[in-house]
């Protein structure tokens, strides 16, 4: 059995997006909408859409392979693979098992986790706790979703929002002497409001599984309930909001992102706004957005970054991490 450890940190990040970019003007030719309508309501300009033969597993593998290469770890050292997704079409084997097989990870614990758009932050907390408890020493944590498989392309309230993609992190044990670790998670849900976001059928003989949401309910919940969650995560990590170098929330809607950051009081932080270019990529959105900030060197290595995932359930999870 692996000895317990004082903590964990993100060693590397990477992301993968499909090559096809779908613009607002292209959507306006498909459904009753416009570039102005989309930008004014959700702030999105473009999104990446996967090809029909590009699966969730393909995107997860693309992001994971780059993250492992950047970390400089051997695939044989990875002992835990978690994939956060809500759009896996094939139930078995898990996406995590397929990632592990492709990367040559020989004997890791592998499983998928479904907390929808909060999935990556849930998975990161799970990996952190597995490492702290001695069940893992090096984990691969991935958020990947192909929302385009489940959209009604005639419903302008939903089809304009989403994109496809994946983000991955390599997480490793620390001895506790570093200040750039993964902080305590604040997570939970409001299941009584779970029907506000749905992806599924109405029964065995029901219509195909398509995404539906009550956007007004979700918006009100997000802008009123999530800043206190973010603030509590900062308190548990011993970091004042004003001292955050970055804020990376789920990229659901530009208005939600900016409202949460303002209410939190993260006055000096770089706020991720990848939703403008990528749309809402569900469980992929947090690692994808953070990976881009790291690639552009917009946040110093080791600086504190707040991660906040939220979505169907209604579920949420937040933690402060050191920027890799």
C-alpha atoms as a PDB file:
ATOM      1  CA  UNK A   1       0.000   0.000   0.000  1.00  0.00           C
ATOM      2  CA  UNK A   2       1.232   3.473  -0.873  1.00  0.00           C
ATOM      3  CA  UNK A   3       1.953   5.657   2.151  1.00  0.00           C
ATOM      4  CA  UNK A   4      -0.299   8.611   2.785  1.00  0.00           C
ATOM      5  CA  UNK A   5       0.995  11.950   1.565  1.00  0.00           C
ATOM      6  CA  UNK A   6       0.570  15.559   2.608  1.00  0.00           C
ATOM      7  CA  UNK A   7      -0.988  16.690  -0.640  1.00  0.00           C
ATOM      8  CA  UNK A   8      -0.959  16.852  -4.415  1.00  0.00           C
ATOM      9  CA  UNK A   9      -0.355  19.348  -7.190  1.00  0.00           C
ATOM     10  CA  UNK A  10      -1.045  19.744 -10.893  1.00  0.00           C
ATOM     11  CA  UNK A  11       2.173  18.938 -12.713  1.00  0.00           C
ATOM     12  CA  UNK A  12       1.012  19.656 -16.265  1.00  0.00           C
ATOM     13  CA  UNK A  13      -2.019  20.565 -18.377  1.00  0.00           C
ATOM     14  CA  UNK A  14      -3.023  20.134 -21.992  1.00  0.00           C
ATOM     15  CA  UNK A  15      -6.099  20.351 -24.159  1.00  0.00           C
ATOM     16  CA  UNK A  16      -7.559  19.142 -27.439  1.00  0.00           C
ATOM     17  CA  UNK A  17     -10.174  20.756 -29.663  1.00  0.00           C
ATOM     18  CA  UNK A  18     -11.603  19.546 -32.959  1.00  0.00           C
ATOM     19  CA  UNK A  19     -10.396  21.330 -36.068  1.00  0.00           C
ATOM     20  CA  UNK A  20     -13.816  22.453 -37.261  1.00  0.00           C
ATOM     21  CA  UNK A  21     -14.826  25.927 -36.023  1.00  0.00           C
ATOM     22  CA  UNK A  22     -18.522  26.830 -36.190  1.00  0.00           C
ATOM     23  CA  UNK A  23     -19.217  30.566 -36.245  1.00  0.00           C
ATOM     24  CA  UNK A  24     -22.313  32.439 -35.158  1.00  0.00           C
ATOM     25  CA  UNK A  25     -22.999  33.446 -38.738  1.00  0.00           C
ATOM     26  CA  UNK A  26     -22.982  29.801 -39.811  1.00  0.00           C
ATOM     27  CA  UNK A  27     -25.449  28.997 -37.039  1.00  0.00           C
ATOM     28  CA  UNK A  28     -27.672  31.851 -38.195  1.00  0.00           C
ATOM     29  CA  UNK A  29     -28.008  30.032 -41.517  1.00  0.00           C
ATOM     30  CA  UNK A  30     -29.192  26.903 -39.692  1.00  0.00           C
ATOM     31  CA  UNK A  31     -31.545  28.267 -37.040  1.00  0.00           C
ATOM     32  CA  UNK A  32     -33.374  31.507 -36.212  1.00  0.00           C
ATOM     33  CA  UNK A  33     -30.558  33.410 -34.518  1.00  0.00           C
ATOM     34  CA  UNK A  34     -27.852  35.988 -35.210  1.00  0.00           C
ATOM     35  CA  UNK A  35     -24.321  36.855 -34.181  1.00  0.00           C
ATOM     36  CA  UNK A  36     -25.635  39.799 -32.138  1.00  0.00           C
ATOM     37  CA  UNK A  37     -28.271  37.666 -30.384  1.00  0.00           C
ATOM     38  CA  UNK A  38     -25.729  35.028 -29.356  1.00  0.00           C
ATOM     39  CA  UNK A  39     -23.013  37.450 -28.259  1.00  0.00           C
ATOM     40  CA  UNK A  40     -25.415  39.579 -26.224  1.00  0.00           C
ATOM     41  CA  UNK A  41     -26.885  36.621 -24.324  1.00  0.00           C
ATOM     42  CA  UNK A  42     -24.008  34.204 -23.799  1.00  0.00           C
ATOM     43  CA  UNK A  43     -20.921  35.969 -25.146  1.00  0.00           C
ATOM     44  CA  UNK A  44     -19.926  33.235 -27.588  1.00  0.00           C
ATOM     45  CA  UNK A  45     -18.372  33.988 -30.994  1.00  0.00           C
ATOM     46  CA  UNK A  46     -17.208  30.530 -32.116  1.00  0.00           C
ATOM     47  CA  UNK A  47     -17.154  26.922 -30.971  1.00  0.00           C
ATOM     48  CA  UNK A  48     -15.307  23.757 -32.076  1.00  0.00           C
ATOM     49  CA  UNK A  49     -17.431  20.859 -33.321  1.00  0.00           C
ATOM     50  CA  UNK A  50     -16.094  17.310 -33.557  1.00  0.00           C
ATOM     51  CA  UNK A  51     -16.413  15.281 -36.730  1.00  0.00           C
ATOM     52  CA  UNK A  52     -18.910  12.448 -36.725  1.00  0.00           C
ATOM     53  CA  UNK A  53     -16.113   9.899 -36.350  1.00  0.00           C
ATOM     54  CA  UNK A  54     -14.254  11.800 -33.599  1.00  0.00           C
ATOM     55  CA  UNK A  55     -15.374  10.376 -30.270  1.00  0.00           C
ATOM     56  CA  UNK A  56     -15.172  11.532 -26.668  1.00  0.00           C
ATOM     57  CA  UNK A  57     -12.393   8.977 -26.188  1.00  0.00           C
ATOM     58  CA  UNK A  58     -10.454  10.374 -29.160  1.00  0.00           C
ATOM     59  CA  UNK A  59     -10.534  13.878 -27.699  1.00  0.00           C
ATOM     60  CA  UNK A  60      -9.661  12.629 -24.210  1.00  0.00           C
ATOM     61  CA  UNK A  61      -6.696  10.705 -25.596  1.00  0.00           C
ATOM     62  CA  UNK A  62      -5.518  13.763 -27.546  1.00  0.00           C
ATOM     63  CA  UNK A  63      -5.469  15.950 -24.439  1.00  0.00           C
ATOM     64  CA  UNK A  64      -4.092  13.234 -22.153  1.00  0.00           C
ATOM     65  CA  UNK A  65      -1.179  12.310 -24.405  1.00  0.00           C
ATOM     66  CA  UNK A  66       0.007  15.913 -24.505  1.00  0.00           C
ATOM     67  CA  UNK A  67      -0.401  16.359 -20.738  1.00  0.00           C
ATOM     68  CA  UNK A  68       1.635  13.227 -20.007  1.00  0.00           C
ATOM     69  CA  UNK A  69       4.370  14.311 -22.437  1.00  0.00           C
ATOM     70  CA  UNK A  70       4.549  17.765 -20.850  1.00  0.00           C
ATOM     71  CA  UNK A  71       4.732  16.276 -17.356  1.00  0.00           C
ATOM     72  CA  UNK A  72       7.705  14.129 -18.340  1.00  0.00           C
ATOM     73  CA  UNK A  73       6.310  11.122 -16.491  1.00  0.00           C
ATOM     74  CA  UNK A  74       6.425   7.553 -17.679  1.00  0.00           C
ATOM     75  CA  UNK A  75       3.056   6.024 -18.502  1.00  0.00           C
ATOM     76  CA  UNK A  76       3.941   3.163 -16.188  1.00  0.00           C
ATOM     77  CA  UNK A  77       4.009   5.571 -13.253  1.00  0.00           C
ATOM     78  CA  UNK A  78       0.349   6.560 -13.709  1.00  0.00           C
ATOM     79  CA  UNK A  79      -1.778   4.597 -11.251  1.00  0.00           C
ATOM     80  CA  UNK A  80      -5.129   6.386 -11.551  1.00  0.00           C
ATOM     81  CA  UNK A  81      -7.069   7.615 -14.599  1.00  0.00           C
ATOM     82  CA  UNK A  82     -10.348   9.504 -14.163  1.00  0.00           C
ATOM     83  CA  UNK A  83     -12.369  10.842 -17.071  1.00  0.00           C
ATOM     84  CA  UNK A  84     -15.147  13.314 -16.319  1.00  0.00           C
ATOM     85  CA  UNK A  85     -17.794  13.144 -19.036  1.00  0.00           C
ATOM     86  CA  UNK A  86     -21.554  13.113 -19.493  1.00  0.00           C
ATOM     87  CA  UNK A  87     -21.553  12.292 -23.208  1.00  0.00           C
ATOM     88  CA  UNK A  88     -19.985   8.840 -23.468  1.00  0.00           C
ATOM     89  CA  UNK A  89     -22.114   6.954 -26.001  1.00  0.00           C
ATOM     90  CA  UNK A  90     -20.535   3.559 -25.293  1.00  0.00           C
ATOM     91  CA  UNK A  91     -20.949   2.579 -21.648  1.00  0.00           C
ATOM     92  CA  UNK A  92     -18.257  -0.103 -21.473  1.00  0.00           C
ATOM     93  CA  UNK A  93     -15.332  -0.132 -21.426  1.00  0.00           C
ATOM     94  CA  UNK A  94     -15.030   3.236 -19.738  1.00  0.00           C
ATOM     95  CA  UNK A  95     -13.433   6.154 -21.538  1.00  0.00           C
ATOM     96  CA  UNK A  96     -10.750   6.057 -18.826  1.00  0.00           C
ATOM     97  CA  UNK A  97      -9.930   2.448 -19.697  1.00  0.00           C
ATOM     98  CA  UNK A  98      -9.630   3.343 -23.374  1.00  0.00           C
ATOM     99  CA  UNK A  99      -7.337   6.263 -22.545  1.00  0.00           C
ATOM    100  CA  UNK A 100      -5.151   4.043 -20.364  1.00  0.00           C
ATOM    101  CA  UNK A 101      -4.915   1.385 -23.084  1.00  0.00           C
ATOM    102  CA  UNK A 102      -3.988   3.896 -25.773  1.00  0.00           C
ATOM    103  CA  UNK A 103      -1.294   5.536 -23.625  1.00  0.00           C
ATOM    104  CA  UNK A 104       0.161   2.224 -22.470  1.00  0.00           C
ATOM    105  CA  UNK A 105      -0.778   2.690 -18.828  1.00  0.00           C
ATOM    106  CA  UNK A 106      -0.502  -0.911 -17.590  1.00  0.00           C
ATOM    107  CA  UNK A 107      -2.450  -1.344 -14.371  1.00  0.00           C
ATOM    108  CA  UNK A 108      -4.044   1.890 -13.181  1.00  0.00           C
ATOM    109  CA  UNK A 109      -7.395   2.229 -11.483  1.00  0.00           C
ATOM    110  CA  UNK A 110      -9.690   3.580 -14.223  1.00  0.00           C
ATOM    111  CA  UNK A 111     -13.200   4.997 -14.116  1.00  0.00           C
ATOM    112  CA  UNK A 112     -15.473   7.629 -15.597  1.00  0.00           C
ATOM    113  CA  UNK A 113     -17.232  10.237 -13.476  1.00  0.00           C
ATOM    114  CA  UNK A 114     -20.427  12.073 -14.403  1.00  0.00           C
ATOM    115  CA  UNK A 115     -20.999  15.373 -12.653  1.00  0.00           C
ATOM    116  CA  UNK A 116     -21.773  17.080 -15.966  1.00  0.00           C
ATOM    117  CA  UNK A 117     -20.162  20.521 -16.223  1.00  0.00           C
ATOM    118  CA  UNK A 118     -18.759  20.224 -12.683  1.00  0.00           C
ATOM    119  CA  UNK A 119     -17.092  16.954 -13.682  1.00  0.00           C
ATOM    120  CA  UNK A 120     -13.463  18.035 -13.915  1.00  0.00           C
ATOM    121  CA  UNK A 121     -13.409  19.788 -10.546  1.00  0.00           C
ATOM    122  CA  UNK A 122     -15.118  16.754  -8.995  1.00  0.00           C
ATOM    123  CA  UNK A 123     -12.547  14.454 -10.621  1.00  0.00           C
ATOM    124  CA  UNK A 124      -9.637  16.641  -9.546  1.00  0.00           C
ATOM    125  CA  UNK A 125     -10.864  16.563  -5.945  1.00  0.00           C
ATOM    126  CA  UNK A 126     -11.264  12.783  -6.146  1.00  0.00           C
ATOM    127  CA  UNK A 127      -7.712  12.365  -7.444  1.00  0.00           C
ATOM    128  CA  UNK A 128      -6.347  14.710  -4.767  1.00  0.00           C
ATOM    129  CA  UNK A 129      -8.052  12.717  -2.035  1.00  0.00           C
ATOM    130  CA  UNK A 130      -6.883   9.406  -3.526  1.00  0.00           C
ATOM    131  CA  UNK A 131      -3.305  10.684  -3.445  1.00  0.00           C
ATOM    132  CA  UNK A 132      -3.652  12.074   0.075  1.00  0.00           C
ATOM    133  CA  UNK A 133      -5.085   8.751   1.232  1.00  0.00           C
ATOM    134  CA  UNK A 134      -2.289   6.707  -0.302  1.00  0.00           C
ATOM    135  CA  UNK A 135      -4.333   5.102  -3.069  1.00  0.00           C
ATOM    136  CA  UNK A 136      -2.430   6.862  -5.844  1.00  0.00           C
ATOM    137  CA  UNK A 137       0.819   8.689  -6.465  1.00  0.00           C
ATOM    138  CA  UNK A 138       0.364   9.942 -10.040  1.00  0.00           C
ATOM    139  CA  UNK A 139      -3.083  10.521 -11.511  1.00  0.00           C
ATOM    140  CA  UNK A 140      -4.329  11.507 -14.944  1.00  0.00           C
ATOM    141  CA  UNK A 141      -7.501  13.614 -14.699  1.00  0.00           C
ATOM    142  CA  UNK A 142      -9.438  14.427 -17.857  1.00  0.00           C
ATOM    143  CA  UNK A 143     -12.580  16.367 -18.715  1.00  0.00           C
ATOM    144  CA  UNK A 144     -13.994  15.515 -22.145  1.00  0.00           C
ATOM    145  CA  UNK A 145     -17.387  16.012 -23.745  1.00  0.00           C
ATOM    146  CA  UNK A 146     -18.920  15.892 -27.207  1.00  0.00           C
ATOM    147  CA  UNK A 147     -22.072  17.883 -26.635  1.00  0.00           C
ATOM    148  CA  UNK A 148     -22.766  18.154 -30.365  1.00  0.00           C
ATOM    149  CA  UNK A 149     -24.022  14.547 -30.326  1.00  0.00           C
ATOM    150  CA  UNK A 150     -26.888  15.547 -28.044  1.00  0.00           C
ATOM    151  CA  UNK A 151     -28.067  18.907 -29.339  1.00  0.00           C
ATOM    152  CA  UNK A 152     -31.312  19.810 -31.052  1.00  0.00           C
ATOM    153  CA  UNK A 153     -29.880  21.899 -33.872  1.00  0.00           C
ATOM    154  CA  UNK A 154     -33.254  23.602 -34.326  1.00  0.00           C
ATOM    155  CA  UNK A 155     -33.382  24.826 -30.710  1.00  0.00           C
ATOM    156  CA  UNK A 156     -31.626  28.190 -30.732  1.00  0.00           C
ATOM    157  CA  UNK A 157     -31.670  28.417 -26.943  1.00  0.00           C
ATOM    158  CA  UNK A 158     -29.273  25.474 -26.630  1.00  0.00           C
ATOM    159  CA  UNK A 159     -27.509  24.655 -29.906  1.00  0.00           C
ATOM    160  CA  UNK A 160     -25.682  27.997 -29.976  1.00  0.00           C
ATOM    161  CA  UNK A 161     -24.126  27.442 -26.552  1.00  0.00           C
ATOM    162  CA  UNK A 162     -22.051  24.300 -26.816  1.00  0.00           C
ATOM    163  CA  UNK A 163     -18.789  23.106 -28.288  1.00  0.00           C
ATOM    164  CA  UNK A 164     -16.692  19.948 -28.087  1.00  0.00           C
ATOM    165  CA  UNK A 165     -13.281  19.377 -26.545  1.00  0.00           C
ATOM    166  CA  UNK A 166     -11.112  17.892 -23.827  1.00  0.00           C
ATOM    167  CA  UNK A 167      -8.660  19.040 -21.174  1.00  0.00           C
ATOM    168  CA  UNK A 168      -6.284  16.947 -19.092  1.00  0.00           C
ATOM    169  CA  UNK A 169      -4.081  17.296 -16.023  1.00  0.00           C
ATOM    170  CA  UNK A 170      -1.340  15.150 -14.560  1.00  0.00           C
ATOM    171  CA  UNK A 171      -1.572  15.257 -10.762  1.00  0.00           C
ATOM    172  CA  UNK A 172       1.247  14.098  -8.527  1.00  0.00           C
ATOM    173  CA  UNK A 173       1.928  13.723  -4.802  1.00  0.00           C
ATOM    174  CA  UNK A 174       3.760  16.388  -2.800  1.00  0.00           C
ATOM    175  CA  UNK A 175       5.376  16.345   0.613  1.00  0.00           C
ATOM    176  CA  UNK A 176       3.446  19.367   1.832  1.00  0.00           C
ATOM    177  CA  UNK A 177       6.388  21.771   1.738  1.00  0.00           C
ATOM    178  CA  UNK A 178       5.206  23.361  -1.521  1.00  0.00           C
ATOM    179  CA  UNK A 179       2.718  26.208  -1.709  1.00  0.00           C
ATOM    180  CA  UNK A 180       1.370  25.301  -5.141  1.00  0.00           C
ATOM    181  CA  UNK A 181      -0.743  22.294  -4.234  1.00  0.00           C
ATOM    182  CA  UNK A 182      -4.407  21.494  -4.701  1.00  0.00           C
ATOM    183  CA  UNK A 183      -6.457  23.096  -1.945  1.00  0.00           C
ATOM    184  CA  UNK A 184      -9.451  21.652  -0.090  1.00  0.00           C
ATOM    185  CA  UNK A 185     -12.548  21.176  -2.194  1.00  0.00           C
ATOM    186  CA  UNK A 186     -15.902  22.806  -1.499  1.00  0.00           C
ATOM    187  CA  UNK A 187     -18.520  20.731  -3.277  1.00  0.00           C
ATOM    188  CA  UNK A 188     -22.173  19.893  -3.146  1.00  0.00           C
ATOM    189  CA  UNK A 189     -25.437  20.106  -5.036  1.00  0.00           C
ATOM    190  CA  UNK A 190     -28.999  21.346  -5.107  1.00  0.00           C
ATOM    191  CA  UNK A 191     -30.692  18.185  -6.427  1.00  0.00           C
ATOM    192  CA  UNK A 192     -34.153  19.631  -5.896  1.00  0.00           C
ATOM    193  CA  UNK A 193     -33.361  21.826  -8.913  1.00  0.00           C
ATOM    194  CA  UNK A 194     -31.887  18.978 -10.933  1.00  0.00           C
ATOM    195  CA  UNK A 195     -34.632  19.057 -13.548  1.00  0.00           C
ATOM    196  CA  UNK A 196     -33.358  22.450 -14.738  1.00  0.00           C
ATOM    197  CA  UNK A 197     -30.687  20.689 -16.841  1.00  0.00           C
ATOM    198  CA  UNK A 198     -31.481  17.367 -18.487  1.00  0.00           C
ATOM    199  CA  UNK A 199     -29.837  15.097 -21.031  1.00  0.00           C
ATOM    200  CA  UNK A 200     -31.806  11.915 -21.524  1.00  0.00           C
ATOM    201  CA  UNK A 201     -34.961  10.289 -22.804  1.00  0.00           C
ATOM    202  CA  UNK A 202     -38.488  10.276 -21.431  1.00  0.00           C
ATOM    203  CA  UNK A 203     -38.486   6.485 -21.241  1.00  0.00           C
ATOM    204  CA  UNK A 204     -37.737   3.397 -23.373  1.00  0.00           C
ATOM    205  CA  UNK A 205     -40.130   4.575 -26.093  1.00  0.00           C
ATOM    206  CA  UNK A 206     -39.377   8.265 -25.662  1.00  0.00           C
ATOM    207  CA  UNK A 207     -37.602  10.689 -27.978  1.00  0.00           C
ATOM    208  CA  UNK A 208     -33.824  10.512 -28.509  1.00  0.00           C
ATOM    209  CA  UNK A 209     -31.584  11.781 -25.755  1.00  0.00           C
ATOM    210  CA  UNK A 210     -31.196  15.520 -26.257  1.00  0.00           C
ATOM    211  CA  UNK A 211     -29.988  18.329 -24.039  1.00  0.00           C
ATOM    212  CA  UNK A 212     -32.604  20.582 -22.433  1.00  0.00           C
ATOM    213  CA  UNK A 213     -32.269  23.298 -19.812  1.00  0.00           C
ATOM    214  CA  UNK A 214     -34.245  26.030 -18.114  1.00  0.00           C
ATOM    215  CA  UNK A 215     -31.765  28.794 -18.779  1.00  0.00           C
ATOM    216  CA  UNK A 216     -33.435  31.323 -16.473  1.00  0.00           C
ATOM    217  CA  UNK A 217     -33.306  28.969 -13.470  1.00  0.00           C
ATOM    218  CA  UNK A 218     -29.675  28.061 -14.133  1.00  0.00           C
ATOM    219  CA  UNK A 219     -28.615  31.683 -14.611  1.00  0.00           C
ATOM    220  CA  UNK A 220     -30.258  32.868 -11.386  1.00  0.00           C
ATOM    221  CA  UNK A 221     -28.779  29.975  -9.420  1.00  0.00           C
ATOM    222  CA  UNK A 222     -25.293  30.535 -10.816  1.00  0.00           C
ATOM    223  CA  UNK A 223     -25.069  34.288 -10.254  1.00  0.00           C
ATOM    224  CA  UNK A 224     -26.520  34.161  -6.731  1.00  0.00           C
ATOM    225  CA  UNK A 225     -25.192  30.898  -5.274  1.00  0.00           C
ATOM    226  CA  UNK A 226     -21.704  30.305  -6.657  1.00  0.00           C
ATOM    227  CA  UNK A 227     -19.705  33.282  -5.393  1.00  0.00           C
ATOM    228  CA  UNK A 228     -20.136  32.127  -1.759  1.00  0.00           C
ATOM    229  CA  UNK A 229     -18.900  28.650  -2.782  1.00  0.00           C
ATOM    230  CA  UNK A 230     -15.845  30.206  -4.445  1.00  0.00           C
ATOM    231  CA  UNK A 231     -15.206  32.392  -1.400  1.00  0.00           C
ATOM    232  CA  UNK A 232     -15.351  29.374   0.899  1.00  0.00           C
ATOM    233  CA  UNK A 233     -12.826  27.526  -1.266  1.00  0.00           C
ATOM    234  CA  UNK A 234     -10.482  30.511  -0.930  1.00  0.00           C
ATOM    235  CA  UNK A 235     -10.941  30.540   2.844  1.00  0.00           C
ATOM    236  CA  UNK A 236     -10.144  26.814   3.111  1.00  0.00           C
ATOM    237  CA  UNK A 237      -7.015  27.325   1.033  1.00  0.00           C
ATOM    238  CA  UNK A 238      -5.953  30.346   3.098  1.00  0.00           C
ATOM    239  CA  UNK A 239      -5.994  32.663   0.071  1.00  0.00           C
ATOM    240  CA  UNK A 240      -7.826  35.986  -0.071  1.00  0.00           C
ATOM    241  CA  UNK A 241      -9.830  36.520  -3.270  1.00  0.00           C
ATOM    242  CA  UNK A 242      -7.816  39.667  -3.982  1.00  0.00           C
ATOM    243  CA  UNK A 243      -4.640  37.543  -3.949  1.00  0.00           C
ATOM    244  CA  UNK A 244      -5.841  35.123  -6.627  1.00  0.00           C
ATOM    245  CA  UNK A 245      -3.801  35.253  -9.819  1.00  0.00           C
ATOM    246  CA  UNK A 246      -6.502  33.539 -11.843  1.00  0.00           C
ATOM    247  CA  UNK A 247     -10.174  32.572 -11.801  1.00  0.00           C
ATOM    248  CA  UNK A 248     -11.264  29.712 -14.043  1.00  0.00           C
ATOM    249  CA  UNK A 249     -14.952  28.934 -13.778  1.00  0.00           C
ATOM    250  CA  UNK A 250     -16.978  26.580 -15.911  1.00  0.00           C
ATOM    251  CA  UNK A 251     -17.321  28.355 -19.236  1.00  0.00           C
ATOM    252  CA  UNK A 252     -21.102  28.368 -19.353  1.00  0.00           C
ATOM    253  CA  UNK A 253     -21.950  31.939 -20.195  1.00  0.00           C
ATOM    254  CA  UNK A 254     -19.835  35.103 -20.249  1.00  0.00           C
ATOM    255  CA  UNK A 255     -22.323  37.019 -18.112  1.00  0.00           C
ATOM    256  CA  UNK A 256     -22.221  34.297 -15.424  1.00  0.00           C
ATOM    257  CA  UNK A 257     -18.421  34.194 -15.465  1.00  0.00           C
ATOM    258  CA  UNK A 258     -18.060  37.940 -15.018  1.00  0.00           C
ATOM    259  CA  UNK A 259     -20.809  38.161 -12.373  1.00  0.00           C
ATOM    260  CA  UNK A 260     -19.225  35.414 -10.230  1.00  0.00           C
ATOM    261  CA  UNK A 261     -15.725  36.935 -10.497  1.00  0.00           C
ATOM    262  CA  UNK A 262     -17.064  40.374  -9.546  1.00  0.00           C
ATOM    263  CA  UNK A 263     -19.045  39.086  -6.567  1.00  0.00           C
ATOM    264  CA  UNK A 264     -16.057  37.066  -5.393  1.00  0.00           C
ATOM    265  CA  UNK A 265     -13.870  40.171  -5.326  1.00  0.00           C
ATOM    266  CA  UNK A 266     -11.046  38.679  -7.384  1.00  0.00           C
ATOM    267  CA  UNK A 267      -9.883  42.145  -8.372  1.00  0.00           C
ATOM    268  CA  UNK A 268      -6.339  41.202  -9.425  1.00  0.00           C
ATOM    269  CA  UNK A 269      -7.048  37.887 -11.122  1.00  0.00           C
ATOM    270  CA  UNK A 270      -6.923  36.952 -14.775  1.00  0.00           C
ATOM    271  CA  UNK A 271     -10.448  35.703 -15.456  1.00  0.00           C
ATOM    272  CA  UNK A 272     -10.746  32.931 -18.053  1.00  0.00           C
ATOM    273  CA  UNK A 273     -13.120  33.852 -20.866  1.00  0.00           C
ATOM    274  CA  UNK A 274     -12.510  30.929 -23.191  1.00  0.00           C
ATOM    275  CA  UNK A 275     -16.283  30.611 -23.652  1.00  0.00           C
ATOM    276  CA  UNK A 276     -15.972  33.340 -26.312  1.00  0.00           C
ATOM    277  CA  UNK A 277     -13.875  31.104 -28.582  1.00  0.00           C
ATOM    278  CA  UNK A 278     -14.842  27.601 -27.450  1.00  0.00           C
ATOM    279  CA  UNK A 279     -18.415  27.808 -26.212  1.00  0.00           C
ATOM    280  CA  UNK A 280     -19.550  25.637 -23.329  1.00  0.00           C
ATOM    281  CA  UNK A 281     -17.553  22.398 -23.473  1.00  0.00           C
ATOM    282  CA  UNK A 282     -19.109  20.911 -20.318  1.00  0.00           C
ATOM    283  CA  UNK A 283     -16.577  18.903 -18.260  1.00  0.00           C
ATOM    284  CA  UNK A 284     -13.764  19.983 -20.579  1.00  0.00           C
ATOM    285  CA  UNK A 285     -14.248  23.704 -20.029  1.00  0.00           C
ATOM    286  CA  UNK A 286     -12.244  24.254 -16.823  1.00  0.00           C
ATOM    287  CA  UNK A 287      -9.073  22.341 -17.808  1.00  0.00           C
ATOM    288  CA  UNK A 288      -9.296  23.602 -21.382  1.00  0.00           C
ATOM    289  CA  UNK A 289      -9.494  27.229 -20.287  1.00  0.00           C
ATOM    290  CA  UNK A 290      -6.722  26.851 -17.691  1.00  0.00           C
ATOM    291  CA  UNK A 291      -4.487  25.034 -20.178  1.00  0.00           C
ATOM    292  CA  UNK A 292      -4.782  27.956 -22.603  1.00  0.00           C
ATOM    293  CA  UNK A 293      -3.921  30.488 -19.887  1.00  0.00           C
ATOM    294  CA  UNK A 294      -0.837  28.444 -19.000  1.00  0.00           C
ATOM    295  CA  UNK A 295       0.219  28.122 -22.650  1.00  0.00           C
ATOM    296  CA  UNK A 296      -0.008  31.895 -23.047  1.00  0.00           C
ATOM    297  CA  UNK A 297       1.892  32.426 -19.765  1.00  0.00           C
ATOM    298  CA  UNK A 298      -0.875  34.690 -18.464  1.00  0.00           C
ATOM    299  CA  UNK A 299      -0.543  33.293 -14.928  1.00  0.00           C
ATOM    300  CA  UNK A 300       2.827  32.759 -13.193  1.00  0.00           C
ATOM    301  CA  UNK A 301       3.782  29.198 -12.323  1.00  0.00           C
ATOM    302  CA  UNK A 302       2.861  28.399  -8.727  1.00  0.00           C
ATOM    303  CA  UNK A 303       0.420  31.301  -8.400  1.00  0.00           C
ATOM    304  CA  UNK A 304      -3.008  30.563  -6.850  1.00  0.00           C
ATOM    305  CA  UNK A 305      -5.894  29.946  -9.236  1.00  0.00           C
ATOM    306  CA  UNK A 306      -9.507  29.345  -8.270  1.00  0.00           C
ATOM    307  CA  UNK A 307     -11.259  26.565 -10.189  1.00  0.00           C
ATOM    308  CA  UNK A 308     -15.068  26.456 -10.090  1.00  0.00           C
ATOM    309  CA  UNK A 309     -17.171  23.872 -11.880  1.00  0.00           C
ATOM    310  CA  UNK A 310     -20.967  23.860 -11.866  1.00  0.00           C
ATOM    311  CA  UNK A 311     -23.784  22.323 -13.834  1.00  0.00           C
ATOM    312  CA  UNK A 312     -26.444  19.631 -13.948  1.00  0.00           C
ATOM    313  CA  UNK A 313     -27.438  18.171 -10.659  1.00  0.00           C
ATOM    314  CA  UNK A 314     -27.320  21.059  -9.816  1.00  0.00           C
ATOM    315  CA  UNK A 315     -23.766  20.277  -8.783  1.00  0.00           C
ATOM    316  CA  UNK A 316     -20.754  22.428  -7.981  1.00  0.00           C
ATOM    317  CA  UNK A 317     -17.149  22.063  -6.838  1.00  0.00           C
ATOM    318  CA  UNK A 318     -14.411  24.609  -6.215  1.00  0.00           C
ATOM    319  CA  UNK A 319     -10.775  24.479  -5.157  1.00  0.00           C
ATOM    320  CA  UNK A 320      -7.710  26.721  -5.263  1.00  0.00           C
ATOM    321  CA  UNK A 321      -4.741  25.202  -7.093  1.00  0.00           C
ATOM    322  CA  UNK A 322      -1.212  26.268  -7.861  1.00  0.00           C
ATOM    323  CA  UNK A 323      -0.763  27.123 -11.521  1.00  0.00           C
ATOM    324  CA  UNK A 324       1.524  24.509 -13.132  1.00  0.00           C
END
